[in-house]
């Protein structure tokens, strides 16, 4: 009896050991399956596609860099040409009279002589030839102004002048806007100058009354002999009586381009010439 019990216990221990060994094998297989699932093949294909796309992008970037590098010499040549042109323009600007707008139109012969003088200077002729031409031009007198009145001055503002203003006064004004207003003012003053001298028979009926008013204003002390316009003349396109227009008029008064006075109920703006 005791012998049979020992044999049965031994067989049971052997069976349990066998089961434990099989369970351990199954656990190892499960771990292996989780480490290398069947879907890993699809994942590797996706990674390969992504890597291929990245290689294509890298190649495109390399091609772009190559194009930019090849364009650098052409860009340098263009920059050098622009700089040379800028120097030429600056050199030419130094020889342009500062009061061109205040002078009457030269006669054809005088214009030819002036062109010869400028051409001699810029084409690098010898100084002796230039002096001869200069001598020919200088004695030529400007034609007399018709009835003693020159065109209205257009004394434009420079960038350095505008930059010299306080930020509060300058605000958002640009050089283009300010100089466009100067052109407008000159046109207003020219219209009034024509009313001052035009005979009655050449004026429309609706302008004769204004012409008489302009002549009265033009004869007053401080306005006589000067180019002027009235506040009522302001009608654009650049100068308007809005906040921007008022700011520009303030800047032009500060820079000495205009002065202001009152004649009767009119606000009169007087255009100044360059000093």
Protein backbone atom coordinates (compact mmCIF):
# COMPACT_ATOMS: atom_id res chain seq x y z
CA UNK A 1 0.00 0.00 0.00
CA UNK A 2 2.73 2.42 0.97
CA UNK A 3 4.69 1.46 -2.15
CA UNK A 4 1.74 2.24 -4.43
CA UNK A 5 1.25 5.63 -2.77
CA UNK A 6 4.89 6.53 -3.32
CA UNK A 7 4.68 5.52 -7.00
CA UNK A 8 1.51 7.57 -7.55
CA UNK A 9 3.07 10.65 -5.87
CA UNK A 10 6.16 10.31 -8.02
CA UNK A 11 4.08 10.10 -11.21
CA UNK A 12 2.06 13.18 -10.16
CA UNK A 13 5.24 15.20 -9.50
CA UNK A 14 6.59 14.21 -12.90
CA UNK A 15 3.33 15.24 -14.62
CA UNK A 16 3.32 18.62 -12.84
CA UNK A 17 6.93 19.23 -13.86
CA UNK A 18 6.02 18.42 -17.45
CA UNK A 19 3.08 20.83 -17.31
CA UNK A 20 5.30 23.57 -15.81
CA UNK A 21 7.91 23.09 -18.54
CA UNK A 22 5.21 23.32 -21.24
CA UNK A 23 3.75 26.45 -19.68
CA UNK A 24 7.21 28.06 -19.65
CA UNK A 25 7.64 27.23 -23.33
CA UNK A 26 4.25 28.75 -24.15
CA UNK A 27 5.14 31.92 -22.24
CA UNK A 28 8.38 32.26 -24.19
CA UNK A 29 6.48 31.79 -27.45
CA UNK A 30 3.96 34.48 -26.47
CA UNK A 31 6.79 36.91 -25.66
CA UNK A 32 8.47 36.15 -28.96
CA UNK A 33 5.21 36.65 -30.85
CA UNK A 34 4.67 40.05 -29.17
CA UNK A 35 8.22 41.13 -30.05
CA UNK A 36 7.85 40.24 -33.74
CA UNK A 37 4.18 40.58 -34.66
CA UNK A 38 2.97 39.72 -38.15
CA UNK A 39 2.09 43.43 -38.75
CA UNK A 40 5.72 44.46 -38.47
CA UNK A 41 6.19 43.79 -42.19
CA UNK A 42 3.59 46.47 -43.09
CA UNK A 43 5.20 48.90 -40.65
CA UNK A 44 8.59 48.38 -42.28
CA UNK A 45 7.03 49.10 -45.70
CA UNK A 46 5.61 52.39 -44.41
CA UNK A 47 9.00 53.38 -42.98
CA UNK A 48 10.65 52.57 -46.30
CA UNK A 49 8.14 54.78 -48.16
CA UNK A 50 8.73 57.66 -45.73
CA UNK A 51 12.48 57.37 -46.11
CA UNK A 52 12.14 57.38 -49.90
CA UNK A 53 9.99 60.54 -49.78
CA UNK A 54 12.54 62.24 -47.55
CA UNK A 55 15.34 61.34 -49.96
CA UNK A 56 13.37 62.95 -52.81
CA UNK A 57 12.87 66.14 -50.75
CA UNK A 58 16.56 66.27 -49.87
CA UNK A 59 17.47 65.96 -53.55
CA UNK A 60 15.04 68.79 -54.43
CA UNK A 61 16.66 71.00 -51.77
CA UNK A 62 20.11 70.21 -53.19
CA UNK A 63 18.91 71.16 -56.70
CA UNK A 64 17.50 74.44 -55.36
CA UNK A 65 20.78 75.27 -53.61
CA UNK A 66 22.67 74.55 -56.82
CA UNK A 67 20.41 76.92 -58.78
CA UNK A 68 20.86 79.66 -56.16
CA UNK A 69 24.64 79.24 -56.18
CA UNK A 70 24.71 79.50 -59.98
CA UNK A 71 22.60 82.68 -59.82
CA UNK A 72 24.93 84.46 -57.36
CA UNK A 73 27.46 85.68 -60.00
CA UNK A 74 24.63 87.10 -62.16
CA UNK A 75 23.16 88.86 -59.12
CA UNK A 76 26.54 90.36 -58.24
CA UNK A 77 26.91 91.72 -61.78
CA UNK A 78 23.44 93.24 -61.59
CA UNK A 79 24.20 94.87 -58.23
CA UNK A 80 27.46 96.31 -59.55
CA UNK A 81 25.65 97.72 -62.60
CA UNK A 82 23.01 99.30 -60.35
CA UNK A 83 25.68 100.85 -58.14
CA UNK A 84 27.48 102.31 -61.15
CA UNK A 85 24.21 103.73 -62.47
CA UNK A 86 23.47 105.22 -59.04
CA UNK A 87 26.86 106.96 -59.02
CA UNK A 88 26.22 108.38 -62.47
CA UNK A 89 22.82 109.71 -61.45
CA UNK A 90 24.25 111.24 -58.27
CA UNK A 91 26.99 112.89 -60.30
CA UNK A 92 24.42 114.27 -62.74
CA UNK A 93 22.19 115.55 -59.90
CA UNK A 94 25.07 117.65 -58.57
CA UNK A 95 25.07 119.64 -61.82
CA UNK A 96 21.33 120.26 -62.04
CA UNK A 97 20.47 123.84 -60.97
CA UNK A 98 18.63 123.96 -57.65
CA UNK A 99 16.13 126.52 -58.93
CA UNK A 100 15.21 125.03 -62.28
CA UNK A 101 11.49 125.44 -61.57
CA UNK A 102 11.90 129.18 -60.94
CA UNK A 103 13.58 129.90 -64.28
CA UNK A 104 11.91 130.70 -67.53
CA UNK A 105 12.26 128.27 -70.44
CA UNK A 106 15.53 128.76 -72.30
CA UNK A 107 15.49 129.63 -75.98
CA UNK A 108 16.44 126.93 -78.47
CA UNK A 109 19.96 128.27 -78.94
CA UNK A 110 20.56 128.54 -75.20
CA UNK A 111 19.24 125.02 -74.67
CA UNK A 112 21.68 123.73 -77.29
CA UNK A 113 24.59 125.50 -75.60
CA UNK A 114 23.60 124.13 -72.18
CA UNK A 115 23.38 120.60 -73.59
CA UNK A 116 26.85 120.99 -75.09
CA UNK A 117 28.18 122.11 -71.72
CA UNK A 118 26.68 119.18 -69.83
CA UNK A 119 27.80 116.73 -72.51
CA UNK A 120 31.35 118.05 -72.35
CA UNK A 121 31.38 117.58 -68.59
CA UNK A 122 29.97 114.06 -68.43
CA UNK A 123 31.76 112.67 -71.48
CA UNK A 124 35.15 113.42 -69.94
CA UNK A 125 36.39 116.02 -72.38
CA UNK A 126 39.45 117.99 -71.41
CA UNK A 127 38.99 120.96 -69.12
CA UNK A 128 40.06 123.43 -71.80
CA UNK A 129 37.23 122.42 -74.13
CA UNK A 130 34.80 122.54 -71.24
CA UNK A 131 35.88 126.05 -70.28
CA UNK A 132 35.31 127.25 -73.84
CA UNK A 133 31.80 125.87 -73.87
CA UNK A 134 31.15 127.18 -70.39
CA UNK A 135 32.28 130.60 -71.49
CA UNK A 136 29.83 130.46 -74.39
CA UNK A 137 26.94 129.59 -72.11
CA UNK A 138 27.47 131.86 -69.13
CA UNK A 139 27.00 135.23 -70.86
CA UNK A 140 23.62 134.14 -72.27
CA UNK A 141 20.97 136.01 -70.32
CA UNK A 142 17.64 134.47 -69.43
CA UNK A 143 14.71 135.89 -71.39
CA UNK A 144 12.80 138.59 -69.60
CA UNK A 145 9.84 137.42 -67.60
CA UNK A 146 6.52 138.24 -69.09
CA UNK A 147 5.06 141.11 -67.12
CA UNK A 148 7.64 140.53 -64.39
CA UNK A 149 6.14 137.26 -63.19
CA UNK A 150 7.96 133.89 -63.22
CA UNK A 151 6.30 130.49 -62.86
CA UNK A 152 5.31 129.54 -59.31
CA UNK A 153 8.19 128.05 -57.32
CA UNK A 154 8.14 124.30 -56.75
CA UNK A 155 10.65 124.04 -53.94
CA UNK A 156 10.49 120.35 -53.16
CA UNK A 157 11.32 118.90 -49.75
CA UNK A 158 14.33 116.58 -49.46
CA UNK A 159 14.44 113.33 -47.53
CA UNK A 160 16.93 114.73 -45.01
CA UNK A 161 14.63 117.69 -44.31
CA UNK A 162 11.69 115.41 -43.66
CA UNK A 163 13.79 113.14 -41.45
CA UNK A 164 14.97 116.15 -39.44
CA UNK A 165 11.42 116.81 -38.21
CA UNK A 166 10.22 115.45 -34.92
CA UNK A 167 8.30 112.20 -35.14
CA UNK A 168 5.27 114.01 -33.73
CA UNK A 169 5.27 116.55 -36.57
CA UNK A 170 6.23 114.08 -39.31
CA UNK A 171 3.75 111.40 -38.26
CA UNK A 172 3.09 109.03 -41.14
CA UNK A 173 3.82 111.54 -43.89
CA UNK A 174 5.96 110.37 -46.79
CA UNK A 175 8.21 112.40 -49.05
CA UNK A 176 6.02 111.57 -52.04
CA UNK A 177 2.87 112.92 -50.38
CA UNK A 178 4.55 116.13 -49.25
CA UNK A 179 6.06 116.90 -52.67
CA UNK A 180 2.80 116.04 -54.41
CA UNK A 181 1.16 118.75 -52.30
CA UNK A 182 3.85 121.24 -53.41
CA UNK A 183 2.94 120.46 -57.02
CA UNK A 184 -0.73 121.07 -56.23
CA UNK A 185 0.06 124.41 -54.57
CA UNK A 186 2.05 125.53 -57.60
CA UNK A 187 -0.93 124.74 -59.85
CA UNK A 188 -3.26 126.76 -57.60
CA UNK A 189 -0.85 129.71 -57.64
CA UNK A 190 -0.45 129.49 -61.43
CA UNK A 191 -4.23 129.64 -61.89
CA UNK A 192 -4.39 132.77 -59.71
CA UNK A 193 -1.44 134.32 -61.57
CA UNK A 194 -3.35 133.94 -64.83
CA UNK A 195 -6.40 135.62 -63.28
CA UNK A 196 -4.18 138.53 -62.25
CA UNK A 197 -3.14 139.36 -65.81
CA UNK A 198 -5.87 137.96 -68.06
CA UNK A 199 -8.00 140.59 -69.83
CA UNK A 200 -11.71 140.52 -69.15
CA UNK A 201 -12.61 139.46 -72.69
CA UNK A 202 -10.59 136.25 -72.27
CA UNK A 203 -12.28 135.24 -69.02
CA UNK A 204 -15.57 133.45 -68.62
CA UNK A 205 -18.29 135.42 -66.90
CA UNK A 206 -18.19 133.21 -63.81
CA UNK A 207 -14.44 133.88 -63.40
CA UNK A 208 -14.44 137.67 -63.69
CA UNK A 209 -15.72 138.23 -60.15
CA UNK A 210 -13.07 135.92 -58.74
CA UNK A 211 -10.42 137.61 -60.88
CA UNK A 212 -11.32 140.98 -59.34
CA UNK A 213 -11.08 139.44 -55.87
CA UNK A 214 -7.70 137.84 -56.65
CA UNK A 215 -6.40 141.18 -57.98
CA UNK A 216 -7.43 142.95 -54.79
CA UNK A 217 -5.67 140.32 -52.69
CA UNK A 218 -2.60 140.38 -54.94
CA UNK A 219 -2.29 144.13 -54.47
CA UNK A 220 -2.16 143.99 -50.67
CA UNK A 221 1.02 144.51 -48.68
CA UNK A 222 2.94 141.27 -48.13
CA UNK A 223 1.24 139.52 -51.04
CA UNK A 224 2.05 141.86 -53.92
CA UNK A 225 4.49 140.37 -56.45
CA UNK A 226 4.36 136.90 -54.91
CA UNK A 227 2.72 133.67 -55.89
CA UNK A 228 -0.20 132.74 -53.65
CA UNK A 229 -3.34 130.71 -53.39
CA UNK A 230 -6.37 130.78 -51.13
CA UNK A 231 -7.73 128.21 -48.77
CA UNK A 232 -10.79 128.15 -51.03
CA UNK A 233 -8.56 127.05 -53.94
CA UNK A 234 -7.60 123.79 -52.21
CA UNK A 235 -9.32 121.00 -54.10
CA UNK A 236 -6.78 118.18 -54.46
CA UNK A 237 -5.84 115.86 -55.89
CA UNK A 238 -2.98 115.62 -53.36
CA UNK A 239 -3.85 118.50 -51.01
CA UNK A 240 -7.15 118.33 -49.21
CA UNK A 241 -8.41 120.02 -46.06
CA UNK A 242 -8.37 116.81 -44.03
CA UNK A 243 -6.07 115.88 -41.15
CA UNK A 244 -3.31 114.77 -43.53
CA UNK A 245 -3.55 117.95 -45.59
CA UNK A 246 -3.42 120.15 -42.48
CA UNK A 247 -0.39 118.21 -41.21
CA UNK A 248 1.43 118.72 -44.53
CA UNK A 249 0.69 122.46 -44.51
CA UNK A 250 2.13 122.65 -40.98
CA UNK A 251 5.29 120.83 -42.15
CA UNK A 252 5.67 123.13 -45.18
CA UNK A 253 5.30 126.23 -43.01
CA UNK A 254 7.93 124.84 -40.63
CA UNK A 255 10.32 124.12 -43.53
CA UNK A 256 9.87 127.60 -44.99
CA UNK A 257 8.06 126.56 -48.18
CA UNK A 258 5.00 128.67 -47.46
CA UNK A 259 3.80 131.42 -45.17
CA UNK A 260 0.28 132.31 -44.24
CA UNK A 261 -1.66 135.55 -43.85
CA UNK A 262 -5.23 136.77 -43.84
CA UNK A 263 -6.73 139.25 -46.26
CA UNK A 264 -10.29 140.03 -45.32
CA UNK A 265 -12.05 136.77 -44.73
CA UNK A 266 -9.58 134.86 -46.89
CA UNK A 267 -6.77 132.65 -45.64
CA UNK A 268 -3.89 133.27 -48.05
CA UNK A 269 -0.89 130.97 -48.54
CA UNK A 270 2.27 132.50 -50.08
CA UNK A 271 4.78 130.26 -51.89
CA UNK A 272 8.44 130.91 -51.11
CA UNK A 273 11.45 130.52 -53.39
CA UNK A 274 14.63 128.62 -52.43
CA UNK A 275 17.12 130.74 -50.53
